[in-house]
PDB file of N, CA and C in Angstrom:
ATOM      1  N   MET A   1     -11.586  -1.236  20.512  1.00  0.00           N
ATOM      2  CA  MET A   1     -11.048  -1.989  19.508  1.00  0.00           C
ATOM      3  C   MET A   1     -11.833  -1.889  18.265  1.00  0.00           C
ATOM      4  N   ASN A   2     -11.548  -1.541  17.574  1.00  0.00           N
ATOM      5  CA  ASN A   2     -12.676  -0.856  16.802  1.00  0.00           C
ATOM      6  C   ASN A   2     -12.789  -1.903  15.311  1.00  0.00           C
ATOM      7  N   LYS A   3     -14.136  -2.460  15.223  1.00  0.00           N
ATOM      8  CA  LYS A   3     -14.582  -3.572  14.433  1.00  0.00           C
ATOM      9  C   LYS A   3     -14.205  -3.143  13.009  1.00  0.00           C
ATOM     10  N   TYR A   4     -13.473  -1.430  12.412  1.00  0.00           N
ATOM     11  CA  TYR A   4     -13.429  -2.287  10.439  1.00  0.00           C
ATOM     12  C   TYR A   4     -11.996  -2.150  10.379  1.00  0.00           C
ATOM     13  N   GLY A   5     -11.062  -2.188  11.296  1.00  0.00           N
ATOM     14  CA  GLY A   5     -10.146  -2.103  11.683  1.00  0.00           C
ATOM     15  C   GLY A   5      -8.935  -0.176  11.080  1.00  0.00           C
ATOM     16  N   TYR A   6      -7.919  -0.791  10.596  1.00  0.00           N
ATOM     17  CA  TYR A   6      -7.100   0.634  10.399  1.00  0.00           C
ATOM     18  C   TYR A   6      -6.087   0.546   9.894  1.00  0.00           C
ATOM     19  N   LYS A   7      -5.560   2.337   9.310  1.00  0.00           N
ATOM     20  CA  LYS A   7      -4.970   2.498   7.828  1.00  0.00           C
ATOM     21  C   LYS A   7      -3.215   2.303   8.605  1.00  0.00           C
ATOM     22  N   VAL A   8      -2.639   2.301   8.143  1.00  0.00           N
ATOM     23  CA  VAL A   8      -0.958   2.604   8.328  1.00  0.00           C
ATOM     24  C   VAL A   8      -0.526   4.002   7.068  1.00  0.00           C
ATOM     25  N   CYS A   9      -0.869   5.076   7.819  1.00  0.00           N
ATOM     26  CA  CYS A   9      -0.210   5.756   7.005  1.00  0.00           C
ATOM     27  C   CYS A   9       1.672   6.513   7.013  1.00  0.00           C
ATOM     28  N   TYR A  10       1.503   7.752   6.193  1.00  0.00           N
ATOM     29  CA  TYR A  10       2.593   8.627   6.354  1.00  0.00           C
ATOM     30  C   TYR A  10       2.294   9.900   5.526  1.00  0.00           C
ATOM     31  N   LYS A  11       3.132  10.830   6.457  1.00  0.00           N
ATOM     32  CA  LYS A  11       3.217  12.169   5.727  1.00  0.00           C
ATOM     33  C   LYS A  11       4.573  12.196   5.719  1.00  0.00           C
ATOM     34  N   LYS A  12       5.409  13.124   5.039  1.00  0.00           N
ATOM     35  CA  LYS A  12       7.004  13.379   5.035  1.00  0.00           C
ATOM     36  C   LYS A  12       6.761  14.889   5.711  1.00  0.00           C
ATOM     37  N   GLN A  13       7.601  14.444   6.779  1.00  0.00           N
ATOM     38  CA  GLN A  13       8.480  15.898   7.287  1.00  0.00           C
ATOM     39  C   GLN A  13       8.355  17.053   6.691  1.00  0.00           C
ATOM     40  N   GLY A  14       7.453  17.931   7.209  1.00  0.00           N
ATOM     41  CA  GLY A  14       6.716  19.789   7.467  1.00  0.00           C
ATOM     42  C   GLY A  14       5.528  19.843   5.534  1.00  0.00           C
ATOM     43  N   LYS A  15       5.173  18.420   5.836  1.00  0.00           N
ATOM     44  CA  LYS A  15       4.218  18.632   4.693  1.00  0.00           C
ATOM     45  C   LYS A  15       2.410  17.954   6.163  1.00  0.00           C
ATOM     46  N   ASN A  16       1.413  18.368   4.896  1.00  0.00           N
ATOM     47  CA  ASN A  16       0.162  18.141   5.872  1.00  0.00           C
ATOM     48  C   ASN A  16      -0.556  17.093   5.513  1.00  0.00           C
ATOM     49  N   LYS A  17       0.428  16.872   4.414  1.00  0.00           N
ATOM     50  CA  LYS A  17      -0.361  15.406   3.528  1.00  0.00           C
ATOM     51  C   LYS A  17      -0.751  14.080   3.719  1.00  0.00           C
ATOM     52  N   LEU A  18      -1.761  13.081   3.650  1.00  0.00           N
ATOM     53  CA  LEU A  18      -0.693  11.695   4.291  1.00  0.00           C
ATOM     54  C   LEU A  18      -1.207  10.801   3.933  1.00  0.00           C
ATOM     55  N   LYS A  19      -1.528  10.118   3.099  1.00  0.00           N
ATOM     56  CA  LYS A  19      -0.288   9.561   1.900  1.00  0.00           C
ATOM     57  C   LYS A  19      -0.936   7.023   2.692  1.00  0.00           C
ATOM     58  N   LEU A  20      -1.666   6.865   2.250  1.00  0.00           N
ATOM     59  CA  LEU A  20      -2.164   5.551   2.813  1.00  0.00           C
ATOM     60  C   LEU A  20      -1.138   4.575   2.720  1.00  0.00           C
ATOM     61  N   TYR A  21       0.162   3.828   2.919  1.00  0.00           N
ATOM     62  CA  TYR A  21       0.310   2.786   2.245  1.00  0.00           C
ATOM     63  C   TYR A  21      -0.312   1.789   2.809  1.00  0.00           C
ATOM     64  N   LEU A  22      -0.720   0.878   3.853  1.00  0.00           N
ATOM     65  CA  LEU A  22      -1.589   0.050   4.125  1.00  0.00           C
ATOM     66  C   LEU A  22      -2.923  -0.121   5.546  1.00  0.00           C
ATOM     67  N   VAL A  23      -3.576  -1.428   5.071  1.00  0.00           N
ATOM     68  CA  VAL A  23      -4.525  -1.024   5.617  1.00  0.00           C
ATOM     69  C   VAL A  23      -4.535  -2.771   6.581  1.00  0.00           C
ATOM     70  N   THR A  24      -4.862  -3.329   7.576  1.00  0.00           N
ATOM     71  CA  THR A  24      -5.034  -4.146   8.142  1.00  0.00           C
ATOM     72  C   THR A  24      -6.315  -3.562   9.920  1.00  0.00           C
ATOM     73  N   ASN A  25      -6.379  -5.406  10.117  1.00  0.00           N
ATOM     74  CA  ASN A  25      -7.422  -5.771  10.850  1.00  0.00           C
ATOM     75  C   ASN A  25      -7.815  -5.312  12.571  1.00  0.00           C
ATOM     76  N   THR A  26      -6.469  -6.178  12.517  1.00  0.00           N
ATOM     77  CA  THR A  26      -5.799  -4.794  14.141  1.00  0.00           C
ATOM     78  C   THR A  26      -5.127  -4.256  14.192  1.00  0.00           C
ATOM     79  N   TYR A  27      -5.392  -3.866  15.745  1.00  0.00           N
ATOM     80  CA  TYR A  27      -4.214  -2.711  16.404  1.00  0.00           C
ATOM     81  C   TYR A  27      -2.556  -3.341  16.591  1.00  0.00           C
ATOM     82  N   ASP A  28      -2.973  -3.971  17.216  1.00  0.00           N
ATOM     83  CA  ASP A  28      -1.215  -4.739  17.054  1.00  0.00           C
ATOM     84  C   ASP A  28      -0.287  -4.996  15.728  1.00  0.00           C
ATOM     85  N   GLY A  29      -1.450  -5.949  15.278  1.00  0.00           N
ATOM     86  CA  GLY A  29      -0.232  -6.198  13.986  1.00  0.00           C
ATOM     87  C   GLY A  29       0.150  -4.226  12.381  1.00  0.00           C
ATOM     88  N   ALA A  30      -1.203  -3.672  13.411  1.00  0.00           N
ATOM     89  CA  ALA A  30      -0.878  -1.816  12.753  1.00  0.00           C
ATOM     90  C   ALA A  30       0.087  -1.487  13.317  1.00  0.00           C
ATOM     91  N   CYS A  31       0.293  -2.084  14.575  1.00  0.00           N
ATOM     92  CA  CYS A  31       2.370  -1.274  15.303  1.00  0.00           C
ATOM     93  C   CYS A  31       3.024  -1.993  14.950  1.00  0.00           C
ATOM     94  N   TRP A  32       2.671  -3.118  14.935  1.00  0.00           N
ATOM     95  CA  TRP A  32       3.820  -4.115  14.488  1.00  0.00           C
ATOM     96  C   TRP A  32       4.474  -3.240  12.848  1.00  0.00           C
ATOM     97  N   ASN A  33       3.387  -3.038  12.635  1.00  0.00           N
ATOM     98  CA  ASN A  33       3.996  -3.271  10.629  1.00  0.00           C
ATOM     99  C   ASN A  33       4.608  -0.939  11.199  1.00  0.00           C
ATOM    100  N   VAL A  34       4.545  -0.340  11.539  1.00  0.00           N
ATOM    101  CA  VAL A  34       4.628   1.170  12.146  1.00  0.00           C
ATOM    102  C   VAL A  34       6.402   1.612  12.628  1.00  0.00           C
ATOM    103  N   ARG A  35       6.062  -0.453  13.463  1.00  0.00           N
ATOM    104  CA  ARG A  35       7.459  -0.492  14.229  1.00  0.00           C
ATOM    105  C   ARG A  35       8.656  -1.416  12.944  1.00  0.00           C
ATOM    106  N   TRP A  36       7.446  -1.805  12.369  1.00  0.00           N
ATOM    107  CA  TRP A  36       8.329  -1.915  11.658  1.00  0.00           C
ATOM    108  C   TRP A  36       9.356  -1.450  10.403  1.00  0.00           C
ATOM    109  N   TYR A  37       8.249  -0.204  10.118  1.00  0.00           N
ATOM    110  CA  TYR A  37       8.935   0.866   9.046  1.00  0.00           C
ATOM    111  C   TYR A  37       9.414   1.992   8.867  1.00  0.00           C
ATOM    112  N   GLU A  38       9.452   2.167  10.094  1.00  0.00           N
ATOM    113  CA  GLU A  38      10.408   2.959  10.682  1.00  0.00           C
ATOM    114  C   GLU A  38      12.526   2.484  11.098  1.00  0.00           C
ATOM    115  N   THR A  39      12.647   0.848  10.679  1.00  0.00           N
ATOM    116  CA  THR A  39      13.445   0.998  11.213  1.00  0.00           C
ATOM    117  C   THR A  39      14.037  -0.498  10.225  1.00  0.00           C
ATOM    118  N   HIS A  40      13.415  -0.139   9.162  1.00  0.00           N
ATOM    119  CA  HIS A  40      13.131  -1.061   7.654  1.00  0.00           C
ATOM    120  C   HIS A  40      12.523   0.147   6.615  1.00  0.00           C
ATOM    121  N   SER A  41      12.416   0.805   6.154  1.00  0.00           N
ATOM    122  CA  SER A  41      12.023   1.605   5.056  1.00  0.00           C
ATOM    123  C   SER A  41      11.904   1.655   3.826  1.00  0.00           C
ATOM    124  N   PRO A  42      10.583   1.150   3.604  1.00  0.00           N
ATOM    125  CA  PRO A  42      10.016   0.230   2.812  1.00  0.00           C
ATOM    126  C   PRO A  42       9.105   1.108   1.488  1.00  0.00           C
ATOM    127  N   PRO A  43       9.634   0.409   0.164  1.00  0.00           N
ATOM    128  CA  PRO A  43       9.351   0.844  -0.905  1.00  0.00           C
ATOM    129  C   PRO A  43       7.524   2.049  -1.289  1.00  0.00           C
ATOM    130  N   ASP A  44       8.402   3.107  -2.019  1.00  0.00           N
ATOM    131  CA  ASP A  44       7.065   4.167  -2.309  1.00  0.00           C
ATOM    132  C   ASP A  44       6.678   2.391  -3.732  1.00  0.00           C
ATOM    133  N   ARG A  45       5.594   2.511  -3.620  1.00  0.00           N
ATOM    134  CA  ARG A  45       4.847   2.083  -4.722  1.00  0.00           C
ATOM    135  C   ARG A  45       4.817   2.484  -5.583  1.00  0.00           C
ATOM    136  N   LYS A  46       5.066   3.449  -6.242  1.00  0.00           N
ATOM    137  CA  LYS A  46       5.293   3.835  -7.974  1.00  0.00           C
ATOM    138  C   LYS A  46       6.949   3.722  -8.220  1.00  0.00           C
ATOM    139  N   THR A  47       7.668   4.834  -7.209  1.00  0.00           N
ATOM    140  CA  THR A  47       8.596   5.743  -7.413  1.00  0.00           C
ATOM    141  C   THR A  47       9.365   3.871  -6.829  1.00  0.00           C
ATOM    142  N   LYS A  48       9.818   3.055  -6.194  1.00  0.00           N
ATOM    143  CA  LYS A  48      10.121   1.856  -5.186  1.00  0.00           C
ATOM    144  C   LYS A  48      11.618   2.848  -4.403  1.00  0.00           C
ATOM    145  N   GLU A  49      11.680   4.098  -5.164  1.00  0.00           N
ATOM    146  CA  GLU A  49      12.655   4.761  -3.765  1.00  0.00           C
ATOM    147  C   GLU A  49      11.796   4.317  -2.369  1.00  0.00           C
ATOM    148  N   PRO A  50      13.153   4.107  -1.778  1.00  0.00           N
ATOM    149  CA  PRO A  50      12.664   3.691  -0.299  1.00  0.00           C
ATOM    150  C   PRO A  50      11.795   5.077  -0.006  1.00  0.00           C
ATOM    151  N   ILE A  51      10.815   4.826   1.471  1.00  0.00           N
ATOM    152  CA  ILE A  51      10.158   5.921   2.177  1.00  0.00           C
ATOM    153  C   ILE A  51      10.924   6.030   2.946  1.00  0.00           C
ATOM    154  N   ARG A  52      11.409   7.728   3.225  1.00  0.00           N
ATOM    155  CA  ARG A  52      12.262   8.388   4.522  1.00  0.00           C
ATOM    156  C   ARG A  52      12.005   9.565   4.456  1.00  0.00           C
ATOM    157  N   ASN A  53      12.927   9.925   5.570  1.00  0.00           N
ATOM    158  CA  ASN A  53      12.073  11.182   6.443  1.00  0.00           C
ATOM    159  C   ASN A  53      10.930  11.132   6.861  1.00  0.00           C
ATOM    160  N   VAL A  54       9.818  10.912   7.140  1.00  0.00           N
ATOM    161  CA  VAL A  54       8.518  10.636   7.042  1.00  0.00           C
ATOM    162  C   VAL A  54       8.218  10.267   8.978  1.00  0.00           C
ATOM    163  N   ILE A  55       6.822  11.028   8.779  1.00  0.00           N
ATOM    164  CA  ILE A  55       6.545  10.029  10.366  1.00  0.00           C
ATOM    165  C   ILE A  55       5.566   9.130  10.450  1.00  0.00           C
ATOM    166  N   TRP A  56       4.628   7.715  10.254  1.00  0.00           N
ATOM    167  CA  TRP A  56       4.140   7.047  10.390  1.00  0.00           C
ATOM    168  C   TRP A  56       3.246   7.309  11.367  1.00  0.00           C
ATOM    169  N   LEU A  57       1.651   7.040  11.511  1.00  0.00           N
ATOM    170  CA  LEU A  57       0.437   6.990  11.774  1.00  0.00           C
ATOM    171  C   LEU A  57      -0.637   5.770  11.524  1.00  0.00           C
ATOM    172  N   ILE A  58      -0.883   5.604  12.890  1.00  0.00           N
ATOM    173  CA  ILE A  58      -2.229   4.474  12.598  1.00  0.00           C
ATOM    174  C   ILE A  58      -3.444   5.350  13.131  1.00  0.00           C
ATOM    175  N   ILE A  59      -4.958   5.145  11.800  1.00  0.00           N
ATOM    176  CA  ILE A  59      -5.555   5.936  11.657  1.00  0.00           C
ATOM    177  C   ILE A  59      -6.837   4.512  11.987  1.00  0.00           C
ATOM    178  N   PRO A  60      -7.724   5.486  13.111  1.00  0.00           N
ATOM    179  CA  PRO A  60      -9.320   3.546  12.708  1.00  0.00           C
ATOM    180  C   PRO A  60      -9.978   4.235  11.465  1.00  0.00           C
ATOM    181  N   ILE A  61     -10.278   3.243  11.418  1.00  0.00           N
ATOM    182  CA  ILE A  61     -11.482   2.975  10.632  1.00  0.00           C
ATOM    183  C   ILE A  61     -13.113   4.180  10.930  1.00  0.00           C
ATOM    184  N   LYS A  62     -13.260   4.545  10.483  1.00  0.00           N
ATOM    185  CA  LYS A  62     -14.518   4.857  12.179  1.00  0.00           C
ATOM    186  C   LYS A  62     -15.642   4.257  11.201  1.00  0.00           C
ATOM    187  N   THR A  63     -16.502   4.154   9.303  1.00  0.00           N
ATOM    188  CA  THR A  63     -17.206   4.483   8.986  1.00  0.00           C
ATOM    189  C   THR A  63     -17.432   2.985   8.419  1.00  0.00           C
ATOM    190  N   TYR A  64     -18.518   2.224   7.911  1.00  0.00           N
ATOM    191  CA  TYR A  64     -18.406   0.664   7.255  1.00  0.00           C
ATOM    192  C   TYR A  64     -18.857   1.352   5.907  1.00  0.00           C
ATOM    193  N   LEU A  65     -19.111   2.718   5.087  1.00  0.00           N
ATOM    194  CA  LEU A  65     -18.555   2.640   3.787  1.00  0.00           C
ATOM    195  C   LEU A  65     -17.325   2.752   3.332  1.00  0.00           C
ATOM    196  N   GLU A  66     -15.997   3.525   5.000  1.00  0.00           N
ATOM    197  CA  GLU A  66     -14.692   4.053   4.234  1.00  0.00           C
ATOM    198  C   GLU A  66     -14.848   2.645   3.877  1.00  0.00           C
ATOM    199  N   TYR A  67     -14.600   1.430   5.069  1.00  0.00           N
ATOM    200  CA  TYR A  67     -14.158   0.519   5.962  1.00  0.00           C
ATOM    201  C   TYR A  67     -13.857  -0.624   3.803  1.00  0.00           C
ATOM    202  N   ARG A  68     -15.568  -0.626   3.436  1.00  0.00           N
ATOM    203  CA  ARG A  68     -16.224  -0.827   1.975  1.00  0.00           C
ATOM    204  C   ARG A  68     -15.181  -0.381   0.559  1.00  0.00           C
ATOM    205  N   LEU A  69     -15.063   1.183   1.082  1.00  0.00           N
ATOM    206  CA  LEU A  69     -14.032   1.769  -0.504  1.00  0.00           C
ATOM    207  C   LEU A  69     -12.523   0.928   0.209  1.00  0.00           C
ATOM    208  N   LEU A  70     -11.789   1.244   1.251  1.00  0.00           N
ATOM    209  CA  LEU A  70     -10.412   1.081   0.969  1.00  0.00           C
ATOM    210  C   LEU A  70      -9.856  -0.473   1.219  1.00  0.00           C
ATOM    211  N   TRP A  71     -11.404  -2.014   1.929  1.00  0.00           N
ATOM    212  CA  TRP A  71     -10.940  -3.591   0.989  1.00  0.00           C
ATOM    213  C   TRP A  71     -11.245  -3.581  -0.046  1.00  0.00           C
ATOM    214  N   ARG A  72     -12.145  -2.991  -0.902  1.00  0.00           N
ATOM    215  CA  ARG A  72     -12.441  -2.634  -2.801  1.00  0.00           C
ATOM    216  C   ARG A  72     -11.285  -3.668  -2.861  1.00  0.00           C
ATOM    217  N   GLY A  73      -9.922  -3.102  -2.712  1.00  0.00           N
ATOM    218  CA  GLY A  73      -9.255  -3.430  -4.197  1.00  0.00           C
ATOM    219  C   GLY A  73      -8.506  -4.450  -3.684  1.00  0.00           C
ATOM    220  N   CYS A  74      -9.261  -4.491  -2.351  1.00  0.00           N
ATOM    221  CA  CYS A  74      -7.897  -5.947  -1.477  1.00  0.00           C
ATOM    222  C   CYS A  74      -7.543  -7.454  -2.517  1.00  0.00           C
ATOM    223  N   PRO A  75      -6.560  -8.197  -2.930  1.00  0.00           N
ATOM    224  CA  PRO A  75      -6.232  -9.528  -3.528  1.00  0.00           C
ATOM    225  C   PRO A  75      -6.918  -9.759  -3.243  1.00  0.00           C
ATOM    226  N   PHE A  76      -6.763 -10.025  -2.011  1.00  0.00           N
ATOM    227  CA  PHE A  76      -7.445 -11.695  -1.712  1.00  0.00           C
ATOM    228  C   PHE A  76      -9.091 -12.075  -1.137  1.00  0.00           C
TER     229      PHE A  76
END
């Protein structure tokens, strides 16, 4: 169990760059979101186009500094 949380990221087929999509506190929540996104393409935050042909990844947040930076813009 990771005490800082998890990042749900995606990368496009054939690309190496990861894009952060969601930050969550639990691994179960991250798994549920990945399963949902694989069947229901979420919209890109800038272009509003559905995100298709991507690989979804769950990456643990390893340091307190990274945790603080990721949750800085959280609206709640």
